[in-house]
Amino acid sequence: MDMFVALSDPTRRAILELLANCGELTATDIYGHFPVSPQAVSQHLKVLREAKLVVMEKRAQKHLYRLNPQTLSQFEAWVQQTRQRWEECFEALDKVLEREKQKRVKDEPESR
């Protein structure tokens, strides 16, 4: 499962936010935060596991979920690289626009 597909759903993003705020939670604890059926939340958790955004650990009869920091670090690195590329593009655009502005000022007839 692609990380971006997993992140495209608002319920899955809400689950990630919940885990970020609370740390480790049981599946039952997670179900209680959503107005949909436990089966629906379970499917969302499955998608998040397949995308390696969360890790599930079985302890006795409980399924405990927590964020996967390795995958989130990869996502953060991608965001940083993308932000840097955009900033470089905007800086280049600013330079072009500034040159065009200076050209216009230079080419305008002087007012008398």
PDB file of N, CA and C in Angstrom:
ATOM      1  N   MET A   1       0.859  -1.185   0.000  1.00  0.00           N
ATOM      2  CA  MET A   1       0.000   0.000   0.000  1.00  0.00           C
ATOM      3  C   MET A   1       0.895   1.235   0.000  1.00  0.00           C
ATOM      4  N   ASP A   2       0.566   2.138  -0.855  1.00  0.00           N
ATOM      5  CA  ASP A   2       1.315   3.383  -0.955  1.00  0.00           C
ATOM      6  C   ASP A   2       0.975   4.307   0.209  1.00  0.00           C
ATOM      7  N   MET A   3       1.997   4.911   0.765  1.00  0.00           N
ATOM      8  CA  MET A   3       1.812   5.815   1.902  1.00  0.00           C
ATOM      9  C   MET A   3       0.856   6.959   1.567  1.00  0.00           C
ATOM     10  N   PHE A   4       0.959   7.496   0.345  1.00  0.00           N
ATOM     11  CA  PHE A   4       0.131   8.636  -0.027  1.00  0.00           C
ATOM     12  C   PHE A   4      -1.325   8.239  -0.203  1.00  0.00           C
ATOM     13  N   VAL A   5      -1.571   7.035  -0.678  1.00  0.00           N
ATOM     14  CA  VAL A   5      -2.947   6.544  -0.770  1.00  0.00           C
ATOM     15  C   VAL A   5      -3.517   6.408   0.637  1.00  0.00           C
ATOM     16  N   ALA A   6      -2.723   5.871   1.531  1.00  0.00           N
ATOM     17  CA  ALA A   6      -3.178   5.703   2.916  1.00  0.00           C
ATOM     18  C   ALA A   6      -3.489   7.053   3.562  1.00  0.00           C
ATOM     19  N   LEU A   7      -2.663   8.044   3.269  1.00  0.00           N
ATOM     20  CA  LEU A   7      -2.857   9.373   3.865  1.00  0.00           C
ATOM     21  C   LEU A   7      -3.981  10.170   3.215  1.00  0.00           C
ATOM     22  N   SER A   8      -4.495   9.685   2.094  1.00  0.00           N
ATOM     23  CA  SER A   8      -5.522  10.447   1.377  1.00  0.00           C
ATOM     24  C   SER A   8      -6.874  10.425   2.075  1.00  0.00           C
ATOM     25  N   ASP A   9      -7.077   9.506   2.987  1.00  0.00           N
ATOM     26  CA  ASP A   9      -8.377   9.381   3.654  1.00  0.00           C
ATOM     27  C   ASP A   9      -8.378  10.141   4.986  1.00  0.00           C
ATOM     28  N   PRO A  10      -9.390  10.985   5.212  1.00  0.00           N
ATOM     29  CA  PRO A  10      -9.421  11.784   6.447  1.00  0.00           C
ATOM     30  C   PRO A  10      -9.522  10.943   7.723  1.00  0.00           C
ATOM     31  N   THR A  11     -10.199   9.809   7.668  1.00  0.00           N
ATOM     32  CA  THR A  11     -10.294   8.963   8.861  1.00  0.00           C
ATOM     33  C   THR A  11      -8.928   8.398   9.210  1.00  0.00           C
ATOM     34  N   ARG A  12      -8.177   7.971   8.199  1.00  0.00           N
ATOM     35  CA  ARG A  12      -6.845   7.435   8.468  1.00  0.00           C
ATOM     36  C   ARG A  12      -5.916   8.526   9.002  1.00  0.00           C
ATOM     37  N   ARG A  13      -6.037   9.735   8.462  1.00  0.00           N
ATOM     38  CA  ARG A  13      -5.227  10.834   9.002  1.00  0.00           C
ATOM     39  C   ARG A  13      -5.608  11.114  10.453  1.00  0.00           C
ATOM     40  N   ALA A  14      -6.892  11.018  10.753  1.00  0.00           N
ATOM     41  CA  ALA A  14      -7.353  11.242  12.136  1.00  0.00           C
ATOM     42  C   ALA A  14      -6.810  10.154  13.068  1.00  0.00           C
ATOM     43  N   ILE A  15      -6.745   8.932  12.586  1.00  0.00           N
ATOM     44  CA  ILE A  15      -6.171   7.846  13.391  1.00  0.00           C
ATOM     45  C   ILE A  15      -4.696   8.147  13.677  1.00  0.00           C
ATOM     46  N   LEU A  16      -3.976   8.590  12.663  1.00  0.00           N
ATOM     47  CA  LEU A  16      -2.559   8.928  12.860  1.00  0.00           C
ATOM     48  C   LEU A  16      -2.407  10.065  13.861  1.00  0.00           C
ATOM     49  N   GLU A  17      -3.253  11.070  13.771  1.00  0.00           N
ATOM     50  CA  GLU A  17      -3.203  12.185  14.731  1.00  0.00           C
ATOM     51  C   GLU A  17      -3.493  11.697  16.147  1.00  0.00           C
ATOM     52  N   LEU A  18      -4.472  10.805  16.257  1.00  0.00           N
ATOM     53  CA  LEU A  18      -4.817  10.243  17.561  1.00  0.00           C
ATOM     54  C   LEU A  18      -3.625   9.505  18.153  1.00  0.00           C
ATOM     55  N   LEU A  19      -2.969   8.690  17.344  1.00  0.00           N
ATOM     56  CA  LEU A  19      -1.802   7.958  17.827  1.00  0.00           C
ATOM     57  C   LEU A  19      -0.641   8.906  18.139  1.00  0.00           C
ATOM     58  N   ALA A  20      -0.499   9.959  17.359  1.00  0.00           N
ATOM     59  CA  ALA A  20       0.562  10.938  17.633  1.00  0.00           C
ATOM     60  C   ALA A  20       0.325  11.620  18.979  1.00  0.00           C
ATOM     61  N   ASN A  21      -0.930  11.891  19.288  1.00  0.00           N
ATOM     62  CA  ASN A  21      -1.260  12.568  20.548  1.00  0.00           C
ATOM     63  C   ASN A  21      -1.248  11.633  21.753  1.00  0.00           C
ATOM     64  N   CYS A  22      -1.664  10.388  21.534  1.00  0.00           N
ATOM     65  CA  CYS A  22      -1.849   9.461  22.662  1.00  0.00           C
ATOM     66  C   CYS A  22      -0.747   8.419  22.795  1.00  0.00           C
ATOM     67  N   GLY A  23       0.041   8.266  21.781  1.00  0.00           N
ATOM     68  CA  GLY A  23       1.059   7.211  21.824  1.00  0.00           C
ATOM     69  C   GLY A  23       0.457   5.891  21.414  1.00  0.00           C
ATOM     70  N   GLU A  24       0.661   4.894  22.210  1.00  0.00           N
ATOM     71  CA  GLU A  24       0.179   3.546  21.914  1.00  0.00           C
ATOM     72  C   GLU A  24      -1.262   3.383  22.384  1.00  0.00           C
ATOM     73  N   LEU A  25      -2.113   2.857  21.505  1.00  0.00           N
ATOM     74  CA  LEU A  25      -3.517   2.632  21.847  1.00  0.00           C
ATOM     75  C   LEU A  25      -3.957   1.245  21.388  1.00  0.00           C
ATOM     76  N   THR A  26      -4.907   0.681  22.122  1.00  0.00           N
ATOM     77  CA  THR A  26      -5.497  -0.582  21.677  1.00  0.00           C
ATOM     78  C   THR A  26      -6.478  -0.286  20.541  1.00  0.00           C
ATOM     79  N   ALA A  27      -6.775  -1.309  19.782  1.00  0.00           N
ATOM     80  CA  ALA A  27      -7.753  -1.155  18.710  1.00  0.00           C
ATOM     81  C   ALA A  27      -9.086  -0.687  19.290  1.00  0.00           C
ATOM     82  N   THR A  28      -9.475  -1.227  20.428  1.00  0.00           N
ATOM     83  CA  THR A  28     -10.741  -0.840  21.065  1.00  0.00           C
ATOM     84  C   THR A  28     -10.734   0.646  21.419  1.00  0.00           C
ATOM     85  N   ASP A  29      -9.631   1.139  21.939  1.00  0.00           N
ATOM     86  CA  ASP A  29      -9.527   2.573  22.257  1.00  0.00           C
ATOM     87  C   ASP A  29      -9.677   3.424  21.003  1.00  0.00           C
ATOM     88  N   ILE A  30      -9.081   2.961  19.916  1.00  0.00           N
ATOM     89  CA  ILE A  30      -9.170   3.708  18.657  1.00  0.00           C
ATOM     90  C   ILE A  30     -10.606   3.697  18.151  1.00  0.00           C
ATOM     91  N   TYR A  31     -11.263   2.552  18.199  1.00  0.00           N
ATOM     92  CA  TYR A  31     -12.654   2.456  17.723  1.00  0.00           C
ATOM     93  C   TYR A  31     -13.544   3.471  18.410  1.00  0.00           C
ATOM     94  N   GLY A  32     -13.316   3.689  19.700  1.00  0.00           N
ATOM     95  CA  GLY A  32     -14.159   4.578  20.482  1.00  0.00           C
ATOM     96  C   GLY A  32     -14.114   6.040  20.060  1.00  0.00           C
ATOM     97  N   HIS A  33     -13.141   6.415  19.265  1.00  0.00           N
ATOM     98  CA  HIS A  33     -13.001   7.808  18.836  1.00  0.00           C
ATOM     99  C   HIS A  33     -13.696   8.112  17.510  1.00  0.00           C
ATOM    100  N   PHE A  34     -14.313   7.104  16.909  1.00  0.00           N
ATOM    101  CA  PHE A  34     -14.873   7.303  15.572  1.00  0.00           C
ATOM    102  C   PHE A  34     -16.326   6.862  15.509  1.00  0.00           C
ATOM    103  N   PRO A  35     -17.123   7.606  14.729  1.00  0.00           N
ATOM    104  CA  PRO A  35     -18.555   7.313  14.647  1.00  0.00           C
ATOM    105  C   PRO A  35     -18.893   6.163  13.688  1.00  0.00           C
ATOM    106  N   VAL A  36     -17.899   5.519  13.125  1.00  0.00           N
ATOM    107  CA  VAL A  36     -18.142   4.400  12.206  1.00  0.00           C
ATOM    108  C   VAL A  36     -17.968   3.085  12.960  1.00  0.00           C
ATOM    109  N   SER A  37     -18.312   2.006  12.310  1.00  0.00           N
ATOM    110  CA  SER A  37     -18.249   0.693  12.962  1.00  0.00           C
ATOM    111  C   SER A  37     -16.805   0.287  13.251  1.00  0.00           C
ATOM    112  N   PRO A  38     -16.630  -0.577  14.263  1.00  0.00           N
ATOM    113  CA  PRO A  38     -15.285  -1.091  14.528  1.00  0.00           C
ATOM    114  C   PRO A  38     -14.685  -1.794  13.304  1.00  0.00           C
ATOM    115  N   GLN A  39     -15.518  -2.439  12.500  1.00  0.00           N
ATOM    116  CA  GLN A  39     -15.020  -3.110  11.298  1.00  0.00           C
ATOM    117  C   GLN A  39     -14.439  -2.091  10.305  1.00  0.00           C
ATOM    118  N   ALA A  40     -15.099  -0.942  10.176  1.00  0.00           N
ATOM    119  CA  ALA A  40     -14.606   0.102   9.269  1.00  0.00           C
ATOM    120  C   ALA A  40     -13.270   0.643   9.767  1.00  0.00           C
ATOM    121  N   VAL A  41     -13.167   0.897  11.070  1.00  0.00           N
ATOM    122  CA  VAL A  41     -11.913   1.385  11.642  1.00  0.00           C
ATOM    123  C   VAL A  41     -10.835   0.316  11.482  1.00  0.00           C
ATOM    124  N   SER A  42     -11.208  -0.937  11.652  1.00  0.00           N
ATOM    125  CA  SER A  42     -10.265  -2.037  11.482  1.00  0.00           C
ATOM    126  C   SER A  42      -9.695  -2.059  10.065  1.00  0.00           C
ATOM    127  N   GLN A  43     -10.533  -1.785   9.078  1.00  0.00           N
ATOM    128  CA  GLN A  43     -10.059  -1.718   7.692  1.00  0.00           C
ATOM    129  C   GLN A  43      -9.086  -0.555   7.499  1.00  0.00           C
ATOM    130  N   HIS A  44      -9.385   0.579   8.122  1.00  0.00           N
ATOM    131  CA  HIS A  44      -8.472   1.723   8.051  1.00  0.00           C
ATOM    132  C   HIS A  44      -7.124   1.381   8.702  1.00  0.00           C
ATOM    133  N   LEU A  45      -7.176   0.685   9.836  1.00  0.00           N
ATOM    134  CA  LEU A  45      -5.945   0.284  10.501  1.00  0.00           C
ATOM    135  C   LEU A  45      -5.141  -0.683   9.632  1.00  0.00           C
ATOM    136  N   LYS A  46      -5.843  -1.555   8.931  1.00  0.00           N
ATOM    137  CA  LYS A  46      -5.170  -2.492   8.026  1.00  0.00           C
ATOM    138  C   LYS A  46      -4.423  -1.733   6.926  1.00  0.00           C
ATOM    139  N   VAL A  47      -5.071  -0.730   6.351  1.00  0.00           N
ATOM    140  CA  VAL A  47      -4.432   0.085   5.300  1.00  0.00           C
ATOM    141  C   VAL A  47      -3.202   0.789   5.865  1.00  0.00           C
ATOM    142  N   LEU A  48      -3.330   1.334   7.064  1.00  0.00           N
ATOM    143  CA  LEU A  48      -2.199   2.027   7.687  1.00  0.00           C
ATOM    144  C   LEU A  48      -1.047   1.060   7.986  1.00  0.00           C
ATOM    145  N   ARG A  49      -1.373  -0.169   8.380  1.00  0.00           N
ATOM    146  CA  ARG A  49      -0.327  -1.180   8.601  1.00  0.00           C
ATOM    147  C   ARG A  49       0.362  -1.545   7.293  1.00  0.00           C
ATOM    148  N   GLU A  50      -0.436  -1.760   6.243  1.00  0.00           N
ATOM    149  CA  GLU A  50       0.131  -2.135   4.944  1.00  0.00           C
ATOM    150  C   GLU A  50       1.030  -1.034   4.387  1.00  0.00           C
ATOM    151  N   ALA A  51       0.687   0.209   4.684  1.00  0.00           N
ATOM    152  CA  ALA A  51       1.512   1.340   4.253  1.00  0.00           C
ATOM    153  C   ALA A  51       2.685   1.576   5.201  1.00  0.00           C
ATOM    154  N   LYS A  52       2.748   0.760   6.243  1.00  0.00           N
ATOM    155  CA  LYS A  52       3.818   0.835   7.252  1.00  0.00           C
ATOM    156  C   LYS A  52       3.827   2.165   8.002  1.00  0.00           C
ATOM    157  N   LEU A  53       2.659   2.798   8.090  1.00  0.00           N
ATOM    158  CA  LEU A  53       2.551   4.043   8.857  1.00  0.00           C
ATOM    159  C   LEU A  53       2.325   3.765  10.338  1.00  0.00           C
ATOM    160  N   VAL A  54       1.735   2.607  10.634  1.00  0.00           N
ATOM    161  CA  VAL A  54       1.554   2.192  12.025  1.00  0.00           C
ATOM    162  C   VAL A  54       2.105   0.782  12.193  1.00  0.00           C
ATOM    163  N   VAL A  55       2.417   0.477  13.435  1.00  0.00           N
ATOM    164  CA  VAL A  55       2.884  -0.850  13.810  1.00  0.00           C
ATOM    165  C   VAL A  55       1.873  -1.417  14.793  1.00  0.00           C
ATOM    166  N   MET A  56       1.521  -2.685  14.601  1.00  0.00           N
ATOM    167  CA  MET A  56       0.596  -3.345  15.516  1.00  0.00           C
ATOM    168  C   MET A  56       1.352  -4.437  16.258  1.00  0.00           C
ATOM    169  N   GLU A  57       1.133  -4.478  17.550  1.00  0.00           N
ATOM    170  CA  GLU A  57       1.764  -5.493  18.386  1.00  0.00           C
ATOM    171  C   GLU A  57       0.675  -6.211  19.163  1.00  0.00           C
ATOM    172  N   LYS A  58       0.731  -7.522  19.186  1.00  0.00           N
ATOM    173  CA  LYS A  58      -0.238  -8.298  19.962  1.00  0.00           C
ATOM    174  C   LYS A  58       0.333  -8.538  21.352  1.00  0.00           C
ATOM    175  N   ARG A  59      -0.444  -8.158  22.331  1.00  0.00           N
ATOM    176  CA  ARG A  59      -0.104  -8.449  23.725  1.00  0.00           C
ATOM    177  C   ARG A  59      -1.319  -9.111  24.348  1.00  0.00           C
ATOM    178  N   ALA A  60      -1.167 -10.361  24.675  1.00  0.00           N
ATOM    179  CA  ALA A  60      -2.277 -11.164  25.194  1.00  0.00           C
ATOM    180  C   ALA A  60      -3.434 -11.081  24.196  1.00  0.00           C
ATOM    181  N   GLN A  61      -4.574 -10.571  24.623  1.00  0.00           N
ATOM    182  CA  GLN A  61      -5.744 -10.465  23.748  1.00  0.00           C
ATOM    183  C   GLN A  61      -5.864  -9.100  23.084  1.00  0.00           C
ATOM    184  N   LYS A  62      -4.902  -8.242  23.319  1.00  0.00           N
ATOM    185  CA  LYS A  62      -4.994  -6.872  22.820  1.00  0.00           C
ATOM    186  C   LYS A  62      -4.114  -6.668  21.585  1.00  0.00           C
ATOM    187  N   HIS A  63      -4.608  -5.832  20.696  1.00  0.00           N
ATOM    188  CA  HIS A  63      -3.822  -5.363  19.556  1.00  0.00           C
ATOM    189  C   HIS A  63      -3.478  -3.908  19.835  1.00  0.00           C
ATOM    190  N   LEU A  64      -2.200  -3.642  20.022  1.00  0.00           N
ATOM    191  CA  LEU A  64      -1.747  -2.287  20.323  1.00  0.00           C
ATOM    192  C   LEU A  64      -1.162  -1.658  19.074  1.00  0.00           C
ATOM    193  N   TYR A  65      -1.565  -0.420  18.833  1.00  0.00           N
ATOM    194  CA  TYR A  65      -1.107   0.317  17.658  1.00  0.00           C
ATOM    195  C   TYR A  65      -0.283   1.513  18.090  1.00  0.00           C
ATOM    196  N   ARG A  66       0.745   1.798  17.285  1.00  0.00           N
ATOM    197  CA  ARG A  66       1.555   3.001  17.489  1.00  0.00           C
ATOM    198  C   ARG A  66       2.093   3.437  16.129  1.00  0.00           C
ATOM    199  N   LEU A  67       2.510   4.684  16.049  1.00  0.00           N
ATOM    200  CA  LEU A  67       3.084   5.202  14.813  1.00  0.00           C
ATOM    201  C   LEU A  67       4.395   4.495  14.510  1.00  0.00           C
ATOM    202  N   ASN A  68       4.706   4.372  13.245  1.00  0.00           N
ATOM    203  CA  ASN A  68       5.988   3.823  12.820  1.00  0.00           C
ATOM    204  C   ASN A  68       6.916   4.999  12.513  1.00  0.00           C
ATOM    205  N   PRO A  69       7.842   5.311  13.412  1.00  0.00           N
ATOM    206  CA  PRO A  69       8.676   6.496  13.222  1.00  0.00           C
ATOM    207  C   PRO A  69       9.568   6.427  11.984  1.00  0.00           C
ATOM    208  N   GLN A  70       9.957   5.235  11.563  1.00  0.00           N
ATOM    209  CA  GLN A  70      10.818   5.121  10.378  1.00  0.00           C
ATOM    210  C   GLN A  70      10.090   5.589   9.125  1.00  0.00           C
ATOM    211  N   THR A  71       8.865   5.127   8.938  1.00  0.00           N
ATOM    212  CA  THR A  71       8.102   5.532   7.756  1.00  0.00           C
ATOM    213  C   THR A  71       7.765   7.015   7.828  1.00  0.00           C
ATOM    214  N   LEU A  72       7.430   7.485   9.002  1.00  0.00           N
ATOM    215  CA  LEU A  72       7.115   8.904   9.144  1.00  0.00           C
ATOM    216  C   LEU A  72       8.342   9.770   8.883  1.00  0.00           C
ATOM    217  N   SER A  73       9.519   9.283   9.231  1.00  0.00           N
ATOM    218  CA  SER A  73      10.754  10.018   8.927  1.00  0.00           C
ATOM    219  C   SER A  73      10.981  10.088   7.425  1.00  0.00           C
ATOM    220  N   GLN A  74      10.682   8.997   6.719  1.00  0.00           N
ATOM    221  CA  GLN A  74      10.803   9.002   5.259  1.00  0.00           C
ATOM    222  C   GLN A  74       9.834  10.014   4.650  1.00  0.00           C
ATOM    223  N   PHE A  75       8.619  10.048   5.178  1.00  0.00           N
ATOM    224  CA  PHE A  75       7.622  10.999   4.685  1.00  0.00           C
ATOM    225  C   PHE A  75       8.075  12.429   4.957  1.00  0.00           C
ATOM    226  N   GLU A  76       8.596  12.657   6.145  1.00  0.00           N
ATOM    227  CA  GLU A  76       9.081  13.996   6.498  1.00  0.00           C
ATOM    228  C   GLU A  76      10.216  14.425   5.570  1.00  0.00           C
ATOM    229  N   ALA A  77      11.112  13.500   5.245  1.00  0.00           N
ATOM    230  CA  ALA A  77      12.214  13.813   4.330  1.00  0.00           C
ATOM    231  C   ALA A  77      11.673  14.176   2.951  1.00  0.00           C
ATOM    232  N   TRP A  78      10.658  13.454   2.493  1.00  0.00           N
ATOM    233  CA  TRP A  78      10.052  13.754   1.198  1.00  0.00           C
ATOM    234  C   TRP A  78       9.432  15.154   1.221  1.00  0.00           C
ATOM    235  N   VAL A  79       8.740  15.479   2.297  1.00  0.00           N
ATOM    236  CA  VAL A  79       8.120  16.805   2.422  1.00  0.00           C
ATOM    237  C   VAL A  79       9.193  17.888   2.402  1.00  0.00           C
ATOM    238  N   GLN A  80      10.287  17.675   3.126  1.00  0.00           N
ATOM    239  CA  GLN A  80      11.374  18.662   3.162  1.00  0.00           C
ATOM    240  C   GLN A  80      11.975  18.870   1.771  1.00  0.00           C
ATOM    241  N   GLN A  81      12.203  17.782   1.039  1.00  0.00           N
ATOM    242  CA  GLN A  81      12.764  17.887  -0.313  1.00  0.00           C
ATOM    243  C   GLN A  81      11.809  18.629  -1.240  1.00  0.00           C
ATOM    244  N   THR A  82      10.533  18.305  -1.139  1.00  0.00           N
ATOM    245  CA  THR A  82       9.528  18.958  -1.978  1.00  0.00           C
ATOM    246  C   THR A  82       9.443  20.442  -1.648  1.00  0.00           C
ATOM    247  N   ARG A  83       9.457  20.770  -0.382  1.00  0.00           N
ATOM    248  CA  ARG A  83       9.423  22.175   0.044  1.00  0.00           C
ATOM    249  C   ARG A  83      10.639  22.923  -0.492  1.00  0.00           C
ATOM    250  N   GLN A  84      11.802  22.296  -0.406  1.00  0.00           N
ATOM    251  CA  GLN A  84      13.029  22.931  -0.897  1.00  0.00           C
ATOM    252  C   GLN A  84      12.937  23.194  -2.399  1.00  0.00           C
ATOM    253  N   ARG A  85      12.426  22.220  -3.166  1.00  0.00           N
ATOM    254  CA  ARG A  85      12.282  22.415  -4.616  1.00  0.00           C
ATOM    255  C   ARG A  85      11.338  23.559  -4.926  1.00  0.00           C
ATOM    256  N   TRP A  86      10.221  23.625  -4.209  1.00  0.00           N
ATOM    257  CA  TRP A  86       9.264  24.713  -4.424  1.00  0.00           C
ATOM    258  C   TRP A  86       9.887  26.057  -4.095  1.00  0.00           C
ATOM    259  N   GLU A  87      10.619  26.128  -2.988  1.00  0.00           N
ATOM    260  CA  GLU A  87      11.257  27.384  -2.608  1.00  0.00           C
ATOM    261  C   GLU A  87      12.256  27.826  -3.673  1.00  0.00           C
ATOM    262  N   GLU A  88      13.010  26.880  -4.221  1.00  0.00           N
ATOM    263  CA  GLU A  88      13.953  27.212  -5.287  1.00  0.00           C
ATOM    264  C   GLU A  88      13.221  27.736  -6.523  1.00  0.00           C
ATOM    265  N   CYS A  89      12.103  27.110  -6.868  1.00  0.00           N
ATOM    266  CA  CYS A  89      11.317  27.573  -8.018  1.00  0.00           C
ATOM    267  C   CYS A  89      10.762  28.975  -7.779  1.00  0.00           C
ATOM    268  N   PHE A  90      10.260  29.230  -6.581  1.00  0.00           N
ATOM    269  CA  PHE A  90       9.719  30.556  -6.277  1.00  0.00           C
ATOM    270  C   PHE A  90      10.814  31.616  -6.269  1.00  0.00           C
ATOM    271  N   GLU A  91      11.983  31.263  -5.758  1.00  0.00           N
ATOM    272  CA  GLU A  91      13.095  32.215  -5.776  1.00  0.00           C
ATOM    273  C   GLU A  91      13.490  32.552  -7.213  1.00  0.00           C
ATOM    274  N   ALA A  92      13.544  31.543  -8.071  1.00  0.00           N
ATOM    275  CA  ALA A  92      13.877  31.784  -9.484  1.00  0.00           C
ATOM    276  C   ALA A  92      12.812  32.659 -10.137  1.00  0.00           C
ATOM    277  N   LEU A  93      11.546  32.394  -9.832  1.00  0.00           N
ATOM    278  CA  LEU A  93      10.461  33.208 -10.369  1.00  0.00           C
ATOM    279  C   LEU A  93      10.564  34.647  -9.870  1.00  0.00           C
ATOM    280  N   ASP A  94      10.860  34.811  -8.593  1.00  0.00           N
ATOM    281  CA  ASP A  94      11.040  36.171  -8.041  1.00  0.00           C
ATOM    282  C   ASP A  94      12.123  36.934  -8.793  1.00  0.00           C
ATOM    283  N   LYS A  95      13.227  36.269  -9.118  1.00  0.00           N
ATOM    284  CA  LYS A  95      14.325  36.917  -9.847  1.00  0.00           C
ATOM    285  C   LYS A  95      13.882  37.335 -11.240  1.00  0.00           C
ATOM    286  N   VAL A  96      13.156  36.458 -11.922  1.00  0.00           N
ATOM    287  CA  VAL A  96      12.663  36.783 -13.263  1.00  0.00           C
ATOM    288  C   VAL A  96      11.709  37.967 -13.189  1.00  0.00           C
ATOM    289  N   LEU A  97      10.801  37.946 -12.257  1.00  0.00           N
ATOM    290  CA  LEU A  97       9.836  39.040 -12.121  1.00  0.00           C
ATOM    291  C   LEU A  97      10.527  40.358 -11.765  1.00  0.00           C
ATOM    292  N   GLU A  98      11.523  40.284 -10.919  1.00  0.00           N
ATOM    293  CA  GLU A  98      12.257  41.494 -10.552  1.00  0.00           C
ATOM    294  C   GLU A  98      12.991  42.065 -11.771  1.00  0.00           C
ATOM    295  N   ARG A  99      13.605  41.197 -12.582  1.00  0.00           N
ATOM    296  CA  ARG A  99      14.275  41.672 -13.803  1.00  0.00           C
ATOM    297  C   ARG A  99      13.272  42.312 -14.756  1.00  0.00           C
ATOM    298  N   GLU A 100      12.120  41.702 -14.912  1.00  0.00           N
ATOM    299  CA  GLU A 100      11.086  42.261 -15.791  1.00  0.00           C
ATOM    300  C   GLU A 100      10.605  43.611 -15.269  1.00  0.00           C
ATOM    301  N   LYS A 101      10.455  43.706 -13.970  1.00  0.00           N
ATOM    302  CA  LYS A 101      10.028  44.972 -13.356  1.00  0.00           C
ATOM    303  C   LYS A 101      11.072  46.057 -13.610  1.00  0.00           C
ATOM    304  N   GLN A 102      12.340  45.705 -13.427  1.00  0.00           N
ATOM    305  CA  GLN A 102      13.417  46.677 -13.659  1.00  0.00           C
ATOM    306  C   GLN A 102      13.464  47.089 -15.133  1.00  0.00           C
ATOM    307  N   LYS A 103      13.231  46.149 -16.041  1.00  0.00           N
ATOM    308  CA  LYS A 103      13.217  46.445 -17.469  1.00  0.00           C
ATOM    309  C   LYS A 103      12.109  47.432 -17.804  1.00  0.00           C
ATOM    310  N   ARG A 104      10.940  47.238 -17.220  1.00  0.00           N
ATOM    311  CA  ARG A 104       9.805  48.134 -17.472  1.00  0.00           C
ATOM    312  C   ARG A 104      10.096  49.541 -16.980  1.00  0.00           C
ATOM    313  N   VAL A 105      10.659  49.628 -15.790  1.00  0.00           N
ATOM    314  CA  VAL A 105      10.979  50.937 -15.219  1.00  0.00           C
ATOM    315  C   VAL A 105      11.995  51.642 -16.111  1.00  0.00           C
ATOM    316  N   LYS A 106      12.953  50.911 -16.580  1.00  0.00           N
ATOM    317  CA  LYS A 106      14.014  51.456 -17.439  1.00  0.00           C
ATOM    318  C   LYS A 106      13.463  51.908 -18.790  1.00  0.00           C
ATOM    319  N   ASP A 107      12.520  51.129 -19.353  1.00  0.00           N
ATOM    320  CA  ASP A 107      11.984  51.396 -20.685  1.00  0.00           C
ATOM    321  C   ASP A 107      10.861  52.442 -20.697  1.00  0.00           C
ATOM    322  N   GLU A 108      10.325  52.803 -19.542  1.00  0.00           N
ATOM    323  CA  GLU A 108       9.246  53.769 -19.498  1.00  0.00           C
ATOM    324  C   GLU A 108       9.770  55.151 -19.877  1.00  0.00           C
ATOM    325  N   PRO A 109       9.005  55.891 -20.670  1.00  0.00           N
ATOM    326  CA  PRO A 109       9.445  57.258 -20.971  1.00  0.00           C
ATOM    327  C   PRO A 109       9.392  58.116 -19.721  1.00  0.00           C
ATOM    328  N   GLU A 110      10.354  58.986 -19.624  1.00  0.00           N
ATOM    329  CA  GLU A 110      10.386  59.872 -18.456  1.00  0.00           C
ATOM    330  C   GLU A 110       9.249  60.867 -18.534  1.00  0.00           C
ATOM    331  N   SER A 111       8.620  61.091 -17.426  1.00  0.00           N
ATOM    332  CA  SER A 111       7.543  62.080 -17.425  1.00  0.00           C
ATOM    333  C   SER A 111       8.140  63.489 -17.358  1.00  0.00           C
ATOM    334  N   ARG A 112       7.527  64.414 -18.087  1.00  0.00           N
ATOM    335  CA  ARG A 112       8.074  65.786 -18.186  1.00  0.00           C
ATOM    336  C   ARG A 112       7.195  66.763 -17.517  1.00  0.00           C
TER     337      ARG A 112
END
